[in-house]
Amino acid sequence: MVDTIKEVAPHAPEGLLLMDVASIKTDPAEALEKYAPENVEIIPCHPMFGPRVPSLKRQIIVLTPIENRAHK
């Protein structure tokens, strides 16, 4: 996850919203904050379901916004 964020996040255009959906929050959230441009919004997400779920449809995902990186 961190390697992908490191590769993709620096190229995010202004105003874009970057999200991850991963059970472990610390490393992906820190990578998003480190590698995403300042004018890109960041919202790490935590899935409340397991990897065997075939679709995101009707699944619960907890949003964990980073202060000063996610706006209304």
N, C-alpha and C. Protein backbone atom coordinates (compact mmCIF):
# COMPACT_ATOMS: atom_id res chain seq x y z
N MET A 1 0.83 -1.19 0.00
CA MET A 1 0.00 0.00 0.00
C MET A 1 0.88 1.26 0.00
N VAL A 2 1.87 1.30 0.88
CA VAL A 2 2.71 2.49 0.98
C VAL A 2 3.48 2.73 -0.32
N ASP A 3 3.98 1.67 -0.94
CA ASP A 3 4.70 1.83 -2.21
C ASP A 3 3.80 2.42 -3.29
N THR A 4 2.55 1.97 -3.34
CA THR A 4 1.61 2.49 -4.32
C THR A 4 1.30 3.97 -4.05
N ILE A 5 1.07 4.31 -2.79
CA ILE A 5 0.81 5.71 -2.42
C ILE A 5 2.01 6.58 -2.79
N LYS A 6 3.20 6.10 -2.49
CA LYS A 6 4.43 6.83 -2.79
C LYS A 6 4.55 7.10 -4.29
N GLU A 7 4.12 6.16 -5.12
CA GLU A 7 4.22 6.29 -6.56
C GLU A 7 3.12 7.18 -7.15
N VAL A 8 1.90 7.08 -6.62
CA VAL A 8 0.75 7.74 -7.22
C VAL A 8 0.47 9.13 -6.62
N ALA A 9 0.52 9.26 -5.32
CA ALA A 9 0.09 10.48 -4.62
C ALA A 9 0.76 11.77 -5.11
N PRO A 10 2.06 11.79 -5.37
CA PRO A 10 2.67 13.05 -5.81
C PRO A 10 2.10 13.61 -7.10
N HIS A 11 1.43 12.78 -7.89
CA HIS A 11 0.89 13.21 -9.18
C HIS A 11 -0.58 13.63 -9.10
N ALA A 12 -1.15 13.62 -7.91
CA ALA A 12 -2.56 13.97 -7.74
C ALA A 12 -2.77 15.46 -8.02
N PRO A 13 -3.75 15.79 -8.85
CA PRO A 13 -4.00 17.20 -9.16
C PRO A 13 -4.71 17.92 -8.02
N GLU A 14 -4.57 19.23 -8.02
CA GLU A 14 -5.19 20.07 -7.00
C GLU A 14 -6.68 19.78 -6.87
N GLY A 15 -7.15 19.68 -5.63
CA GLY A 15 -8.57 19.48 -5.36
C GLY A 15 -9.01 18.03 -5.37
N LEU A 16 -8.11 17.12 -5.73
CA LEU A 16 -8.46 15.70 -5.76
C LEU A 16 -8.62 15.16 -4.34
N LEU A 17 -9.42 14.13 -4.19
CA LEU A 17 -9.57 13.44 -2.91
C LEU A 17 -8.88 12.08 -3.02
N LEU A 18 -7.87 11.85 -2.20
CA LEU A 18 -7.19 10.56 -2.14
C LEU A 18 -7.71 9.78 -0.95
N MET A 19 -8.05 8.52 -1.19
CA MET A 19 -8.55 7.66 -0.12
C MET A 19 -7.84 6.31 -0.21
N ASP A 20 -7.61 5.70 0.93
CA ASP A 20 -7.17 4.32 0.94
C ASP A 20 -8.24 3.52 1.66
N VAL A 21 -8.32 2.26 1.38
CA VAL A 21 -9.23 1.38 2.11
C VAL A 21 -8.36 0.23 2.61
N ALA A 22 -7.89 0.36 3.85
CA ALA A 22 -6.99 -0.63 4.42
C ALA A 22 -7.27 -0.78 5.91
N SER A 23 -7.09 -1.98 6.40
CA SER A 23 -7.34 -2.25 7.82
C SER A 23 -6.32 -1.54 8.71
N ILE A 24 -5.08 -1.54 8.29
CA ILE A 24 -4.02 -0.88 9.06
C ILE A 24 -3.97 0.57 8.63
N LYS A 25 -4.10 1.50 9.57
CA LYS A 25 -4.22 2.91 9.21
C LYS A 25 -2.91 3.68 9.29
N THR A 26 -2.03 3.37 10.21
CA THR A 26 -0.87 4.23 10.47
C THR A 26 0.00 4.44 9.23
N ASP A 27 0.53 3.38 8.65
CA ASP A 27 1.45 3.54 7.52
C ASP A 27 0.80 4.18 6.29
N PRO A 28 -0.37 3.72 5.86
CA PRO A 28 -0.98 4.39 4.70
C PRO A 28 -1.34 5.86 4.97
N ALA A 29 -1.85 6.16 6.14
CA ALA A 29 -2.20 7.55 6.46
C ALA A 29 -0.96 8.44 6.47
N GLU A 30 0.11 7.96 7.05
CA GLU A 30 1.36 8.73 7.07
C GLU A 30 1.90 8.92 5.66
N ALA A 31 1.81 7.89 4.83
CA ALA A 31 2.28 7.99 3.45
C ALA A 31 1.44 8.99 2.65
N LEU A 32 0.12 8.95 2.83
CA LEU A 32 -0.74 9.90 2.14
C LEU A 32 -0.37 11.33 2.53
N GLU A 33 -0.18 11.55 3.81
CA GLU A 33 0.18 12.89 4.29
C GLU A 33 1.54 13.33 3.75
N LYS A 34 2.47 12.41 3.69
CA LYS A 34 3.84 12.73 3.26
C LYS A 34 3.95 12.97 1.76
N TYR A 35 3.29 12.14 0.95
CA TYR A 35 3.50 12.18 -0.49
C TYR A 35 2.46 12.94 -1.29
N ALA A 36 1.29 13.17 -0.74
CA ALA A 36 0.26 13.91 -1.48
C ALA A 36 0.56 15.41 -1.41
N PRO A 37 0.36 16.12 -2.50
CA PRO A 37 0.54 17.58 -2.47
C PRO A 37 -0.38 18.21 -1.43
N GLU A 38 0.01 19.35 -0.92
CA GLU A 38 -0.74 20.04 0.14
C GLU A 38 -2.17 20.39 -0.27
N ASN A 39 -2.40 20.61 -1.55
CA ASN A 39 -3.73 21.02 -2.02
C ASN A 39 -4.61 19.83 -2.41
N VAL A 40 -4.25 18.65 -1.95
CA VAL A 40 -5.02 17.43 -2.19
C VAL A 40 -5.64 16.98 -0.87
N GLU A 41 -6.92 16.65 -0.90
CA GLU A 41 -7.59 16.18 0.32
C GLU A 41 -7.28 14.70 0.56
N ILE A 42 -7.23 14.32 1.83
CA ILE A 42 -6.88 12.95 2.22
C ILE A 42 -7.92 12.43 3.20
N ILE A 43 -8.44 11.25 2.93
CA ILE A 43 -9.32 10.58 3.88
C ILE A 43 -8.99 9.09 3.90
N PRO A 44 -8.19 8.65 4.86
CA PRO A 44 -7.98 7.21 5.02
C PRO A 44 -9.31 6.56 5.44
N CYS A 45 -9.51 5.33 5.01
CA CYS A 45 -10.76 4.62 5.30
C CYS A 45 -10.47 3.24 5.87
N HIS A 46 -11.35 2.79 6.73
CA HIS A 46 -11.20 1.47 7.34
C HIS A 46 -12.42 0.61 6.99
N PRO A 47 -12.20 -0.49 6.26
CA PRO A 47 -13.33 -1.35 5.91
C PRO A 47 -13.81 -2.13 7.12
N MET A 48 -15.10 -2.24 7.26
CA MET A 48 -15.69 -3.01 8.37
C MET A 48 -16.17 -4.36 7.83
N PHE A 49 -15.37 -4.93 6.92
CA PHE A 49 -15.69 -6.22 6.32
C PHE A 49 -14.37 -6.88 5.94
N GLY A 50 -14.41 -8.13 5.66
CA GLY A 50 -13.20 -8.89 5.35
C GLY A 50 -12.87 -8.93 3.88
N PRO A 51 -11.71 -9.47 3.55
CA PRO A 51 -11.23 -9.50 2.16
C PRO A 51 -12.03 -10.43 1.24
N ARG A 52 -12.87 -11.28 1.79
CA ARG A 52 -13.64 -12.21 0.95
C ARG A 52 -14.94 -11.61 0.41
N VAL A 53 -15.25 -10.38 0.81
CA VAL A 53 -16.46 -9.72 0.31
C VAL A 53 -16.23 -9.39 -1.17
N PRO A 54 -17.14 -9.82 -2.05
CA PRO A 54 -16.91 -9.66 -3.49
C PRO A 54 -17.12 -8.24 -4.03
N SER A 55 -17.76 -7.36 -3.25
CA SER A 55 -18.09 -6.02 -3.74
C SER A 55 -18.16 -5.04 -2.57
N LEU A 56 -17.92 -3.77 -2.86
CA LEU A 56 -18.07 -2.73 -1.84
C LEU A 56 -19.54 -2.35 -1.64
N LYS A 57 -20.40 -2.82 -2.54
CA LYS A 57 -21.82 -2.48 -2.47
C LYS A 57 -22.40 -2.91 -1.12
N ARG A 58 -23.04 -1.94 -0.44
CA ARG A 58 -23.73 -2.14 0.84
C ARG A 58 -22.79 -2.49 2.00
N GLN A 59 -21.50 -2.22 1.83
CA GLN A 59 -20.55 -2.47 2.91
C GLN A 59 -20.34 -1.18 3.72
N ILE A 60 -19.93 -1.34 4.95
CA ILE A 60 -19.67 -0.20 5.82
C ILE A 60 -18.17 0.10 5.80
N ILE A 61 -17.86 1.38 5.59
CA ILE A 61 -16.48 1.85 5.59
C ILE A 61 -16.41 3.06 6.51
N VAL A 62 -15.49 3.04 7.48
CA VAL A 62 -15.32 4.14 8.42
C VAL A 62 -14.31 5.13 7.84
N LEU A 63 -14.72 6.40 7.74
CA LEU A 63 -13.83 7.45 7.25
C LEU A 63 -13.03 8.00 8.42
N THR A 64 -11.72 8.18 8.23
CA THR A 64 -10.85 8.69 9.29
C THR A 64 -10.06 9.88 8.75
N PRO A 65 -10.73 11.04 8.60
CA PRO A 65 -10.06 12.21 7.99
C PRO A 65 -8.84 12.67 8.78
N ILE A 66 -7.88 13.18 8.05
CA ILE A 66 -6.68 13.76 8.64
C ILE A 66 -6.94 15.26 8.82
N GLU A 67 -6.70 15.76 10.00
CA GLU A 67 -6.95 17.17 10.30
C GLU A 67 -6.21 18.07 9.31
N ASN A 68 -6.91 19.07 8.81
CA ASN A 68 -6.41 20.06 7.85
C ASN A 68 -6.11 19.47 6.47
N ARG A 69 -6.51 18.21 6.21
CA ARG A 69 -6.31 17.63 4.88
C ARG A 69 -7.60 17.14 4.27
N ALA A 70 -8.71 17.30 5.00
CA ALA A 70 -10.01 16.91 4.47
C ALA A 70 -11.00 18.03 4.79
N HIS A 71 -11.62 18.53 3.76
CA HIS A 71 -12.54 19.66 3.92
C HIS A 71 -13.96 19.22 3.66
N LYS A 72 -14.90 20.06 4.02
CA LYS A 72 -16.32 19.74 3.83
C LYS A 72 -16.67 19.67 2.37
